[in-house]
N, C-alpha and C. Protein backbone atom coordinates (compact mmCIF):
# COMPACT_ATOMS: atom_id res chain seq x y z
N UNK A 1 -50.78 55.48 247.06
CA UNK A 1 -49.97 54.68 247.97
C UNK A 1 -50.87 54.08 249.04
N UNK A 2 -50.46 52.92 249.55
CA UNK A 2 -51.21 52.28 250.63
C UNK A 2 -50.52 52.61 251.96
N UNK A 3 -50.67 53.83 252.40
CA UNK A 3 -50.03 54.24 253.64
C UNK A 3 -50.76 53.70 254.86
N UNK A 4 -52.07 53.53 254.75
CA UNK A 4 -52.84 53.00 255.88
C UNK A 4 -52.34 51.61 256.27
N UNK A 5 -51.76 50.89 255.33
CA UNK A 5 -51.21 49.58 255.64
C UNK A 5 -50.10 49.64 256.68
N UNK A 6 -49.41 50.76 256.75
CA UNK A 6 -48.36 50.91 257.76
C UNK A 6 -48.94 50.98 259.17
N UNK A 7 -50.15 51.53 259.28
CA UNK A 7 -50.76 51.69 260.60
C UNK A 7 -50.97 50.35 261.31
N UNK A 8 -51.25 49.32 260.54
CA UNK A 8 -51.51 47.99 261.12
C UNK A 8 -50.24 47.34 261.65
N UNK A 9 -49.11 47.91 261.35
CA UNK A 9 -47.83 47.30 261.73
C UNK A 9 -46.99 48.18 262.63
N UNK A 10 -47.64 49.09 263.32
CA UNK A 10 -46.89 49.96 264.23
C UNK A 10 -46.40 49.13 265.41
N UNK A 11 -45.08 49.05 265.64
CA UNK A 11 -44.55 48.21 266.73
C UNK A 11 -44.66 48.89 268.08
N UNK A 12 -44.43 48.10 269.10
CA UNK A 12 -44.54 48.64 270.46
C UNK A 12 -43.21 49.05 271.05
N UNK A 13 -42.11 48.51 270.52
CA UNK A 13 -40.82 48.82 271.13
C UNK A 13 -39.74 49.12 270.12
N UNK A 14 -38.65 49.73 270.56
CA UNK A 14 -37.56 50.11 269.64
C UNK A 14 -36.73 48.91 269.22
N UNK A 15 -36.05 49.07 268.06
CA UNK A 15 -35.16 48.02 267.57
C UNK A 15 -33.69 48.42 267.69
N UNK A 16 -33.42 49.69 267.84
CA UNK A 16 -32.04 50.15 267.94
C UNK A 16 -31.65 50.32 269.42
N UNK A 17 -30.39 50.57 269.63
CA UNK A 17 -29.88 50.75 270.99
C UNK A 17 -30.48 52.01 271.61
N UNK A 18 -30.98 51.94 272.84
CA UNK A 18 -31.54 53.14 273.47
C UNK A 18 -30.52 54.28 273.50
N UNK A 19 -30.97 55.47 273.24
CA UNK A 19 -30.11 56.64 273.27
C UNK A 19 -29.37 56.92 271.99
N UNK A 20 -29.53 56.04 271.00
CA UNK A 20 -28.86 56.23 269.71
C UNK A 20 -29.92 56.32 268.62
N UNK A 21 -29.86 57.34 267.78
CA UNK A 21 -30.83 57.42 266.69
C UNK A 21 -30.59 56.31 265.66
N UNK A 22 -31.67 55.88 265.05
CA UNK A 22 -31.60 54.89 263.99
C UNK A 22 -31.80 55.59 262.65
N UNK A 23 -30.73 55.61 261.84
CA UNK A 23 -30.80 56.17 260.50
C UNK A 23 -31.38 55.13 259.55
N UNK A 24 -32.12 55.61 258.56
CA UNK A 24 -32.80 54.72 257.62
C UNK A 24 -32.39 55.01 256.18
N UNK A 25 -32.08 53.95 255.45
CA UNK A 25 -31.96 53.97 253.99
C UNK A 25 -32.99 52.96 253.50
N UNK A 26 -34.05 53.42 252.82
CA UNK A 26 -35.09 52.51 252.34
C UNK A 26 -35.34 52.69 250.84
N UNK A 27 -34.28 52.99 250.11
CA UNK A 27 -34.37 53.22 248.67
C UNK A 27 -33.73 52.04 247.92
N UNK A 28 -33.92 52.04 246.60
CA UNK A 28 -33.20 51.07 245.77
C UNK A 28 -31.70 51.29 245.97
N UNK A 29 -30.94 50.23 245.85
CA UNK A 29 -29.49 50.31 245.99
C UNK A 29 -28.89 50.65 244.64
N UNK A 30 -29.20 51.84 244.16
CA UNK A 30 -28.75 52.26 242.84
C UNK A 30 -28.10 53.63 242.90
N UNK A 31 -27.33 53.91 241.86
CA UNK A 31 -26.54 55.13 241.78
C UNK A 31 -27.38 56.40 241.92
N UNK A 32 -28.59 56.43 241.31
CA UNK A 32 -29.38 57.65 241.32
C UNK A 32 -29.90 58.03 242.71
N UNK A 33 -29.82 57.11 243.65
CA UNK A 33 -30.20 57.43 245.04
C UNK A 33 -29.00 57.96 245.83
N UNK A 34 -27.86 58.02 245.17
CA UNK A 34 -26.63 58.61 245.72
C UNK A 34 -26.19 57.98 247.05
N UNK A 35 -26.02 56.65 247.07
CA UNK A 35 -25.53 56.04 248.31
C UNK A 35 -24.13 56.49 248.67
N UNK A 36 -23.33 56.87 247.68
CA UNK A 36 -21.97 57.33 247.98
C UNK A 36 -22.04 58.59 248.85
N UNK A 37 -22.90 59.54 248.50
CA UNK A 37 -23.08 60.74 249.30
C UNK A 37 -23.65 60.42 250.68
N UNK A 38 -24.58 59.48 250.73
CA UNK A 38 -25.19 59.05 251.99
C UNK A 38 -24.11 58.53 252.94
N UNK A 39 -23.29 57.59 252.44
CA UNK A 39 -22.24 57.02 253.29
C UNK A 39 -21.18 58.05 253.65
N UNK A 40 -20.88 58.95 252.73
CA UNK A 40 -19.88 59.99 253.02
C UNK A 40 -20.35 60.83 254.22
N UNK A 41 -21.64 61.17 254.26
CA UNK A 41 -22.18 61.94 255.39
C UNK A 41 -22.08 61.13 256.67
N UNK A 42 -22.45 59.84 256.62
CA UNK A 42 -22.37 59.01 257.82
C UNK A 42 -20.94 58.87 258.32
N UNK A 43 -19.98 58.71 257.42
CA UNK A 43 -18.58 58.59 257.83
C UNK A 43 -18.11 59.88 258.52
N UNK A 44 -18.54 61.00 258.00
CA UNK A 44 -18.16 62.27 258.63
C UNK A 44 -18.80 62.42 260.00
N UNK A 45 -20.03 61.94 260.15
CA UNK A 45 -20.68 61.99 261.47
C UNK A 45 -19.94 61.11 262.47
N UNK A 46 -19.47 59.96 262.01
CA UNK A 46 -18.68 59.09 262.88
C UNK A 46 -17.38 59.80 263.28
N UNK A 47 -16.73 60.42 262.31
CA UNK A 47 -15.49 61.16 262.61
C UNK A 47 -15.73 62.25 263.64
N UNK A 48 -16.95 62.80 263.65
CA UNK A 48 -17.29 63.84 264.62
C UNK A 48 -17.81 63.28 265.93
N UNK A 49 -17.81 61.94 266.06
CA UNK A 49 -18.16 61.32 267.33
C UNK A 49 -19.64 61.03 267.54
N UNK A 50 -20.45 61.12 266.50
CA UNK A 50 -21.88 60.86 266.65
C UNK A 50 -22.14 59.36 266.68
N UNK A 51 -22.86 58.90 267.68
CA UNK A 51 -23.23 57.49 267.80
C UNK A 51 -24.61 57.29 267.17
N UNK A 52 -24.78 56.24 266.39
CA UNK A 52 -26.06 55.95 265.76
C UNK A 52 -26.09 54.50 265.31
N UNK A 53 -27.30 54.04 264.99
CA UNK A 53 -27.50 52.75 264.35
C UNK A 53 -27.99 53.02 262.94
N UNK A 54 -27.96 51.99 262.09
CA UNK A 54 -28.29 52.17 260.68
C UNK A 54 -29.07 50.98 260.16
N UNK A 55 -30.13 51.27 259.42
CA UNK A 55 -30.90 50.24 258.71
C UNK A 55 -30.75 50.50 257.22
N UNK A 56 -30.13 49.55 256.53
CA UNK A 56 -29.98 49.63 255.08
C UNK A 56 -30.98 48.67 254.45
N UNK A 57 -32.17 49.16 254.21
CA UNK A 57 -33.24 48.36 253.62
C UNK A 57 -33.36 48.75 252.15
N UNK A 58 -34.44 48.41 251.52
CA UNK A 58 -34.65 48.76 250.12
C UNK A 58 -34.25 47.64 249.19
N UNK A 59 -34.70 47.75 247.95
CA UNK A 59 -34.43 46.72 246.95
C UNK A 59 -32.97 46.75 246.52
N UNK A 60 -32.38 45.59 246.49
CA UNK A 60 -31.02 45.46 246.00
C UNK A 60 -31.00 44.40 244.92
N UNK A 61 -29.99 44.44 244.12
CA UNK A 61 -29.92 43.54 242.98
C UNK A 61 -28.84 42.49 243.20
N UNK A 62 -28.73 41.56 242.27
CA UNK A 62 -27.80 40.44 242.44
C UNK A 62 -26.38 40.91 242.71
N UNK A 63 -25.94 41.89 241.96
CA UNK A 63 -24.60 42.40 242.17
C UNK A 63 -24.63 43.57 243.14
N UNK A 64 -24.03 43.38 244.27
CA UNK A 64 -24.04 44.40 245.31
C UNK A 64 -23.01 45.48 245.00
N UNK A 65 -23.43 46.74 244.98
CA UNK A 65 -22.46 47.81 244.70
C UNK A 65 -21.32 47.81 245.72
N UNK A 66 -20.10 48.08 245.28
CA UNK A 66 -18.95 48.00 246.19
C UNK A 66 -19.03 48.97 247.36
N UNK A 67 -19.70 50.12 247.17
CA UNK A 67 -19.77 51.08 248.27
C UNK A 67 -20.69 50.59 249.38
N UNK A 68 -21.62 49.67 249.08
CA UNK A 68 -22.41 49.05 250.15
C UNK A 68 -21.55 48.04 250.91
N UNK A 69 -20.74 47.30 250.19
CA UNK A 69 -19.83 46.36 250.85
C UNK A 69 -18.85 47.10 251.76
N UNK A 70 -18.32 48.22 251.26
CA UNK A 70 -17.41 49.02 252.07
C UNK A 70 -18.11 49.54 253.32
N UNK A 71 -19.35 50.00 253.14
CA UNK A 71 -20.12 50.51 254.29
C UNK A 71 -20.36 49.41 255.31
N UNK A 72 -20.64 48.20 254.82
CA UNK A 72 -20.87 47.08 255.74
C UNK A 72 -19.64 46.83 256.60
N UNK A 73 -18.48 46.94 256.00
CA UNK A 73 -17.24 46.74 256.74
C UNK A 73 -16.95 47.91 257.69
N UNK A 74 -17.12 49.13 257.20
CA UNK A 74 -16.77 50.31 258.00
C UNK A 74 -17.77 50.58 259.12
N UNK A 75 -19.05 50.28 258.87
CA UNK A 75 -20.08 50.62 259.85
C UNK A 75 -20.38 49.45 260.80
N UNK A 76 -19.98 48.26 260.41
CA UNK A 76 -20.01 47.09 261.28
C UNK A 76 -21.26 46.92 262.12
N UNK A 77 -21.06 46.92 263.46
CA UNK A 77 -22.17 46.63 264.37
C UNK A 77 -23.18 47.77 264.50
N UNK A 78 -22.95 48.88 263.82
CA UNK A 78 -23.97 49.93 263.78
C UNK A 78 -25.15 49.50 262.91
N UNK A 79 -24.91 48.58 261.99
CA UNK A 79 -25.94 48.15 261.03
C UNK A 79 -26.83 47.10 261.68
N UNK A 80 -28.12 47.44 261.82
CA UNK A 80 -29.08 46.50 262.41
C UNK A 80 -29.93 45.81 261.34
N UNK A 81 -29.88 46.32 260.11
CA UNK A 81 -30.60 45.71 258.99
C UNK A 81 -29.77 45.94 257.73
N UNK A 82 -29.59 44.86 256.96
CA UNK A 82 -28.79 44.96 255.74
C UNK A 82 -29.53 44.22 254.63
N UNK A 83 -30.20 44.95 253.76
CA UNK A 83 -30.92 44.35 252.64
C UNK A 83 -32.42 44.38 252.84
N UNK A 84 -33.13 43.88 251.84
CA UNK A 84 -34.59 43.87 251.86
C UNK A 84 -35.11 43.05 253.03
N UNK A 85 -36.29 43.41 253.48
CA UNK A 85 -36.94 42.64 254.54
C UNK A 85 -37.87 41.60 253.91
N UNK A 86 -38.15 40.56 254.66
CA UNK A 86 -38.88 39.43 254.08
C UNK A 86 -40.38 39.69 253.93
N UNK A 87 -40.91 40.69 254.62
CA UNK A 87 -42.35 40.95 254.52
C UNK A 87 -42.63 42.44 254.66
N UNK A 88 -43.81 42.83 254.18
CA UNK A 88 -44.22 44.22 254.33
C UNK A 88 -44.33 44.58 255.82
N UNK A 89 -44.83 43.66 256.62
CA UNK A 89 -44.98 43.92 258.06
C UNK A 89 -43.63 44.26 258.69
N UNK A 90 -42.60 43.50 258.33
CA UNK A 90 -41.27 43.77 258.88
C UNK A 90 -40.75 45.12 258.41
N UNK A 91 -41.00 45.43 257.13
CA UNK A 91 -40.58 46.72 256.57
C UNK A 91 -41.28 47.86 257.31
N UNK A 92 -42.58 47.73 257.50
CA UNK A 92 -43.35 48.77 258.18
C UNK A 92 -42.85 48.97 259.61
N UNK A 93 -42.59 47.88 260.31
CA UNK A 93 -42.09 47.99 261.69
C UNK A 93 -40.75 48.71 261.73
N UNK A 94 -39.91 48.40 260.75
CA UNK A 94 -38.61 49.07 260.69
C UNK A 94 -38.78 50.58 260.50
N UNK A 95 -39.67 50.97 259.60
CA UNK A 95 -39.89 52.41 259.37
C UNK A 95 -40.43 53.08 260.62
N UNK A 96 -41.37 52.45 261.30
CA UNK A 96 -41.91 53.05 262.53
C UNK A 96 -40.83 53.20 263.60
N UNK A 97 -39.85 52.31 263.61
CA UNK A 97 -38.79 52.36 264.62
C UNK A 97 -37.62 53.25 264.23
N UNK A 98 -37.56 53.65 262.98
CA UNK A 98 -36.45 54.49 262.52
C UNK A 98 -36.66 55.94 262.96
N UNK A 99 -35.57 56.65 263.13
CA UNK A 99 -35.64 58.02 263.65
C UNK A 99 -35.32 59.08 262.61
N UNK A 100 -34.31 58.83 261.79
CA UNK A 100 -33.84 59.85 260.85
C UNK A 100 -33.74 59.24 259.45
N UNK A 101 -34.43 59.86 258.50
CA UNK A 101 -34.37 59.43 257.11
C UNK A 101 -33.53 60.44 256.34
N UNK A 102 -32.25 60.15 256.24
CA UNK A 102 -31.34 60.99 255.47
C UNK A 102 -31.47 60.62 254.01
N UNK A 103 -31.81 61.59 253.17
CA UNK A 103 -32.00 61.35 251.74
C UNK A 103 -30.95 62.14 250.97
N UNK A 104 -30.30 61.45 250.03
CA UNK A 104 -29.24 62.09 249.25
C UNK A 104 -29.47 61.93 247.75
N UNK A 105 -30.63 61.48 247.35
CA UNK A 105 -30.92 61.14 245.96
C UNK A 105 -30.62 62.29 245.00
N UNK A 106 -30.15 61.90 243.81
CA UNK A 106 -29.92 62.89 242.75
C UNK A 106 -31.00 62.78 241.68
N UNK A 107 -31.87 61.77 241.80
CA UNK A 107 -32.99 61.61 240.89
C UNK A 107 -34.12 60.93 241.64
N UNK A 108 -35.31 61.52 241.56
CA UNK A 108 -36.49 60.94 242.19
C UNK A 108 -37.70 61.66 241.62
N UNK A 109 -38.57 60.94 240.93
CA UNK A 109 -39.75 61.57 240.34
C UNK A 109 -40.81 61.89 241.39
N UNK A 110 -40.96 61.02 242.37
CA UNK A 110 -41.95 61.25 243.43
C UNK A 110 -41.35 61.02 244.81
N UNK A 111 -40.67 59.95 245.00
CA UNK A 111 -40.07 59.67 246.30
C UNK A 111 -40.99 58.89 247.21
N UNK A 112 -41.52 57.78 246.72
CA UNK A 112 -42.43 56.97 247.53
C UNK A 112 -41.80 56.49 248.82
N UNK A 113 -40.54 56.08 248.77
CA UNK A 113 -39.88 55.60 250.00
C UNK A 113 -39.70 56.74 251.00
N UNK A 114 -39.53 57.95 250.50
CA UNK A 114 -39.40 59.12 251.38
C UNK A 114 -40.75 59.42 252.04
N UNK A 115 -41.81 59.39 251.25
CA UNK A 115 -43.16 59.61 251.80
C UNK A 115 -43.47 58.57 252.87
N UNK A 116 -43.13 57.30 252.59
CA UNK A 116 -43.39 56.24 253.58
C UNK A 116 -42.65 56.51 254.88
N UNK A 117 -41.39 56.90 254.80
CA UNK A 117 -40.61 57.12 256.02
C UNK A 117 -41.15 58.31 256.81
N UNK A 118 -41.53 59.37 256.11
CA UNK A 118 -42.08 60.54 256.81
C UNK A 118 -43.41 60.17 257.47
N UNK A 119 -44.24 59.45 256.74
CA UNK A 119 -45.54 59.02 257.27
C UNK A 119 -45.37 58.24 258.58
N UNK A 120 -44.31 57.43 258.64
CA UNK A 120 -44.05 56.61 259.82
C UNK A 120 -43.29 57.36 260.92
N UNK A 121 -43.13 58.66 260.76
CA UNK A 121 -42.57 59.48 261.83
C UNK A 121 -41.08 59.73 261.78
N UNK A 122 -40.39 59.27 260.72
CA UNK A 122 -38.96 59.55 260.61
C UNK A 122 -38.74 61.04 260.38
N UNK A 123 -37.71 61.55 260.99
CA UNK A 123 -37.33 62.94 260.76
C UNK A 123 -36.56 63.00 259.45
N UNK A 124 -37.12 63.67 258.43
CA UNK A 124 -36.43 63.71 257.14
C UNK A 124 -35.33 64.76 257.12
N UNK A 125 -34.25 64.42 256.47
CA UNK A 125 -33.18 65.36 256.13
C UNK A 125 -33.09 65.27 254.60
N UNK A 126 -33.61 66.29 253.91
CA UNK A 126 -33.86 66.20 252.48
C UNK A 126 -33.08 67.24 251.68
N UNK A 127 -32.61 66.85 250.50
CA UNK A 127 -32.03 67.86 249.61
C UNK A 127 -33.13 68.80 249.12
N UNK A 128 -32.79 70.05 249.02
CA UNK A 128 -33.77 71.06 248.57
C UNK A 128 -33.87 71.01 247.04
N UNK A 129 -34.44 69.92 246.56
CA UNK A 129 -34.60 69.73 245.12
C UNK A 129 -35.55 68.56 244.89
N UNK A 130 -35.75 68.25 243.63
CA UNK A 130 -36.57 67.13 243.19
C UNK A 130 -38.00 67.27 243.75
N UNK A 131 -38.65 66.14 244.01
CA UNK A 131 -40.06 66.16 244.42
C UNK A 131 -40.25 66.50 245.90
N UNK A 132 -39.17 66.52 246.66
CA UNK A 132 -39.29 66.64 248.11
C UNK A 132 -39.90 67.96 248.55
N UNK A 133 -39.65 69.00 247.78
CA UNK A 133 -40.21 70.30 248.14
C UNK A 133 -41.71 70.37 247.86
N UNK A 134 -42.26 69.38 247.16
CA UNK A 134 -43.71 69.27 247.00
C UNK A 134 -44.34 68.58 248.20
N UNK A 135 -43.59 67.75 248.86
CA UNK A 135 -44.11 67.02 250.02
C UNK A 135 -44.12 67.88 251.28
N UNK A 136 -43.06 68.64 251.46
CA UNK A 136 -42.94 69.55 252.60
C UNK A 136 -42.39 70.88 252.07
N UNK A 137 -42.97 71.97 252.52
CA UNK A 137 -42.51 73.28 252.05
C UNK A 137 -41.23 73.68 252.79
N UNK A 138 -40.17 73.96 252.04
CA UNK A 138 -38.90 74.34 252.69
C UNK A 138 -39.03 75.54 253.62
N UNK A 139 -39.85 76.53 253.27
CA UNK A 139 -40.00 77.70 254.14
C UNK A 139 -40.63 77.33 255.48
N UNK A 140 -41.47 76.30 255.48
CA UNK A 140 -42.12 75.85 256.72
C UNK A 140 -41.25 74.89 257.51
N UNK A 141 -40.24 74.31 256.86
CA UNK A 141 -39.40 73.29 257.49
C UNK A 141 -37.91 73.53 257.22
N UNK A 142 -37.37 74.63 257.71
CA UNK A 142 -35.97 74.94 257.42
C UNK A 142 -34.98 73.95 258.03
N UNK A 143 -35.40 73.18 259.04
CA UNK A 143 -34.50 72.21 259.67
C UNK A 143 -34.58 70.84 259.00
N UNK A 144 -35.24 70.80 257.85
CA UNK A 144 -35.40 69.57 257.09
C UNK A 144 -34.57 69.58 255.82
N UNK A 145 -34.44 70.74 255.19
CA UNK A 145 -33.84 70.83 253.85
C UNK A 145 -32.41 71.35 253.88
N UNK A 146 -31.60 70.77 253.01
CA UNK A 146 -30.21 71.21 252.86
C UNK A 146 -29.86 71.39 251.39
N UNK A 147 -28.85 72.20 251.13
CA UNK A 147 -28.34 72.41 249.77
C UNK A 147 -27.01 71.69 249.54
N UNK A 148 -26.24 71.47 250.59
CA UNK A 148 -24.93 70.84 250.48
C UNK A 148 -24.73 69.88 251.65
N UNK A 149 -23.81 68.95 251.48
CA UNK A 149 -23.59 67.92 252.51
C UNK A 149 -23.24 68.52 253.87
N UNK A 150 -22.46 69.59 253.89
CA UNK A 150 -22.12 70.23 255.16
C UNK A 150 -23.38 70.68 255.90
N UNK A 151 -24.34 71.20 255.15
CA UNK A 151 -25.61 71.62 255.77
C UNK A 151 -26.37 70.42 256.31
N UNK A 152 -26.36 69.31 255.57
CA UNK A 152 -27.04 68.10 256.05
C UNK A 152 -26.43 67.63 257.36
N UNK A 153 -25.12 67.66 257.43
CA UNK A 153 -24.42 67.24 258.65
C UNK A 153 -24.80 68.16 259.82
N UNK A 154 -24.83 69.45 259.58
CA UNK A 154 -25.22 70.40 260.64
C UNK A 154 -26.66 70.15 261.09
N UNK A 155 -27.57 69.92 260.15
CA UNK A 155 -28.97 69.66 260.51
C UNK A 155 -29.09 68.40 261.35
N UNK A 156 -28.35 67.36 260.98
CA UNK A 156 -28.39 66.11 261.75
C UNK A 156 -27.84 66.33 263.15
N UNK A 157 -26.72 67.01 263.26
CA UNK A 157 -26.13 67.27 264.59
C UNK A 157 -27.09 68.07 265.47
N UNK A 158 -27.75 69.06 264.89
CA UNK A 158 -28.72 69.86 265.64
C UNK A 158 -29.89 69.00 266.10
N UNK A 159 -30.39 68.15 265.20
CA UNK A 159 -31.52 67.28 265.53
C UNK A 159 -31.16 66.32 266.66
N UNK A 160 -29.99 65.72 266.57
CA UNK A 160 -29.57 64.77 267.60
C UNK A 160 -29.31 65.50 268.93
N UNK A 161 -28.62 66.64 268.87
CA UNK A 161 -28.32 67.39 270.10
C UNK A 161 -29.60 67.86 270.80
N UNK A 162 -30.61 68.19 270.03
CA UNK A 162 -31.86 68.68 270.62
C UNK A 162 -32.66 67.57 271.29
N UNK A 163 -32.41 66.33 270.89
CA UNK A 163 -33.17 65.21 271.43
C UNK A 163 -34.53 65.03 270.79
N UNK A 164 -34.92 65.92 269.89
CA UNK A 164 -36.25 65.82 269.30
C UNK A 164 -36.39 64.63 268.35
N UNK A 165 -35.28 64.00 267.95
CA UNK A 165 -35.35 62.80 267.12
C UNK A 165 -36.04 61.65 267.84
N UNK A 166 -36.12 61.74 269.17
CA UNK A 166 -36.74 60.67 269.96
C UNK A 166 -38.26 60.62 269.79
N UNK A 167 -38.84 61.72 269.35
CA UNK A 167 -40.29 61.77 269.11
C UNK A 167 -40.54 61.73 267.62
N UNK A 168 -41.67 61.18 267.19
CA UNK A 168 -41.96 61.13 265.75
C UNK A 168 -42.01 62.53 265.14
N UNK A 169 -41.63 62.61 263.88
CA UNK A 169 -41.71 63.86 263.13
C UNK A 169 -43.16 64.33 263.12
N UNK A 170 -43.39 65.55 263.55
CA UNK A 170 -44.76 66.03 263.79
C UNK A 170 -45.60 66.18 262.52
N UNK A 171 -44.97 66.24 261.35
CA UNK A 171 -45.72 66.42 260.11
C UNK A 171 -45.97 65.11 259.37
N UNK A 172 -45.66 63.99 260.00
CA UNK A 172 -45.85 62.71 259.34
C UNK A 172 -47.27 62.49 258.83
N UNK A 173 -48.24 62.93 259.61
CA UNK A 173 -49.64 62.72 259.24
C UNK A 173 -50.02 63.41 257.93
N UNK A 174 -49.28 64.46 257.54
CA UNK A 174 -49.64 65.18 256.31
C UNK A 174 -49.40 64.34 255.06
N UNK A 175 -48.58 63.29 255.18
CA UNK A 175 -48.33 62.42 254.03
C UNK A 175 -49.55 61.55 253.71
N UNK A 176 -50.50 61.47 254.65
CA UNK A 176 -51.70 60.66 254.39
C UNK A 176 -52.49 61.16 253.19
N UNK A 177 -52.20 62.36 252.75
CA UNK A 177 -52.89 62.86 251.55
C UNK A 177 -52.56 62.02 250.32
N UNK A 178 -51.48 61.26 250.37
CA UNK A 178 -51.10 60.40 249.25
C UNK A 178 -51.70 59.00 249.35
N UNK A 179 -52.37 58.70 250.44
CA UNK A 179 -52.99 57.38 250.58
C UNK A 179 -54.07 57.23 249.52
N UNK A 180 -54.19 56.02 248.97
CA UNK A 180 -55.14 55.80 247.88
C UNK A 180 -56.56 56.20 248.27
N UNK A 181 -56.91 56.04 249.56
CA UNK A 181 -58.27 56.38 249.99
C UNK A 181 -58.55 57.88 249.88
N UNK A 182 -57.48 58.68 249.92
CA UNK A 182 -57.63 60.13 249.76
C UNK A 182 -57.41 60.59 248.33
N UNK A 183 -56.91 59.71 247.49
CA UNK A 183 -56.65 60.05 246.09
C UNK A 183 -57.69 59.49 245.12
N UNK A 184 -58.41 58.46 245.53
CA UNK A 184 -59.27 57.73 244.59
C UNK A 184 -60.37 58.61 243.99
N UNK A 185 -60.94 59.51 244.77
CA UNK A 185 -61.99 60.38 244.22
C UNK A 185 -61.44 61.29 243.13
N UNK A 186 -60.24 61.80 243.34
CA UNK A 186 -59.62 62.65 242.32
C UNK A 186 -59.40 61.85 241.04
N UNK A 187 -58.87 60.63 241.18
CA UNK A 187 -58.66 59.77 240.00
C UNK A 187 -60.00 59.46 239.32
N UNK A 188 -61.02 59.13 240.12
CA UNK A 188 -62.33 58.82 239.55
C UNK A 188 -62.88 60.01 238.77
N UNK A 189 -62.73 61.23 239.34
CA UNK A 189 -63.22 62.44 238.65
C UNK A 189 -62.50 62.65 237.33
N UNK A 190 -61.19 62.50 237.32
CA UNK A 190 -60.40 62.70 236.10
C UNK A 190 -60.79 61.65 235.05
N UNK A 191 -60.91 60.42 235.47
CA UNK A 191 -61.26 59.36 234.52
C UNK A 191 -62.68 59.54 233.98
N UNK A 192 -63.58 59.99 234.83
CA UNK A 192 -64.96 60.24 234.37
C UNK A 192 -64.99 61.37 233.32
N UNK A 193 -64.17 62.39 233.52
CA UNK A 193 -64.12 63.50 232.55
C UNK A 193 -63.52 63.04 231.22
N UNK A 194 -62.61 62.09 231.26
CA UNK A 194 -62.02 61.57 230.02
C UNK A 194 -63.02 60.80 229.22
């Protein structure tokens, strides 16, 4: 991954309303990323009185899934970004400005978009499954991983109540191990042995 490219686009100021966390969706707009579960959690947080902004980025296709259209209507002015961004620089700035990366995917081989968001300091809220437990150890990060939606909601409420969402996630730098500059020697060694 080219994570170092994000460093060149670190913005100086916030894009969301002060005092409100900015939630991030930066995955493909497809079923396997479980947007229905994502929106269900957000709707429950609204019902519980939590104020937040939302960035719905990521690749989308010609036909927009109906649950995104419903979310656009229900979440209204909370949405500060809807759809892909026009440049990598804009995407990187959005990630640096985002606070909470709620992930609900039911399928992910690696989770590049998750690694990018963590690298940029987003506080991850991750299902305890798939590749995510390879990126961060659940035993070391109990306030990151959940098994059920109720747990995700509790983790988010705790994170927001603590105020620690205002500072970048302290383990973001550990994702730099996936940057191509840190991986190229390993690839070169394997290819040389072949």
